[in-house]
Protein backbone atom coordinates (compact mmCIF):
# COMPACT_ATOMS: atom_id res chain seq x y z
CA MET A 1 41.21 120.67 113.71
CA ALA A 2 40.16 123.28 116.06
CA ARG A 3 37.59 123.14 118.67
CA VAL A 4 35.64 126.01 120.34
CA SER A 5 33.34 125.89 123.10
CA TYR A 6 31.23 128.59 124.44
CA ASP A 7 28.01 128.66 126.51
CA GLY A 8 27.65 124.71 126.51
CA LYS A 9 27.80 124.74 122.81
CA THR A 10 31.01 123.28 120.65
CA VAL A 11 32.16 124.13 117.02
CA GLU A 12 34.80 121.99 115.15
CA TYR A 13 36.61 123.81 112.58
CA ARG A 14 38.56 121.73 110.03
CA SER A 15 42.03 122.31 108.56
CA VAL A 16 42.50 123.76 105.17
CA VAL A 17 43.90 120.75 103.99
CA GLU A 18 40.74 118.73 104.87
CA ILE A 19 38.33 121.30 103.38
CA ASP A 20 40.55 121.05 100.04
CA ARG A 21 40.45 117.28 100.09
CA ALA A 22 36.67 117.56 100.44
CA ILE A 23 36.14 119.95 97.81
CA GLU A 24 38.20 117.89 95.44
CA ALA A 25 36.35 114.59 96.23
CA LEU A 26 33.09 116.58 95.58
CA ASP A 27 34.36 117.87 92.50
CA ARG A 28 35.08 114.10 91.28
CA GLU A 29 31.61 112.94 92.46
CA ILE A 30 29.88 115.65 90.54
CA ALA A 31 31.94 115.22 87.39
CA ALA A 32 31.48 111.29 87.41
CA ALA A 33 27.73 111.95 87.84
CA GLU A 34 27.63 114.42 84.80
CA GLY A 35 29.63 111.82 82.97
CA ARG A 36 32.73 114.12 82.37
CA ARG A 37 36.29 114.23 83.58
CA ILE A 38 38.03 116.58 85.74
CA VAL A 39 40.30 118.76 83.49
CA ARG A 40 43.34 120.37 85.73
CA GLN A 41 45.40 122.77 84.08
CA LEU A 42 48.78 124.31 85.22
CA ARG A 43 50.10 127.38 83.37
CA VAL A 44 53.77 128.31 84.16
CA THR A 45 55.02 131.67 83.21
CA SER A 46 58.52 133.25 83.84
CA THR A 47 60.49 136.41 83.03
CA LYS A 48 64.16 137.01 82.94
CA GLY A 49 63.74 139.86 85.32
CA LEU A 50 65.29 142.46 83.01
């Protein structure tokens, strides 16, 4: 977390990891409220480099 102060005001910035966790938690809450599951897909592609 980073904190910046200027002219008597302070702003705190969260880390990317914390923001990602918050988004995932919100996604789960929204899905639960809508009565659906969260489906994550991972697609892997590769080539032989020829």
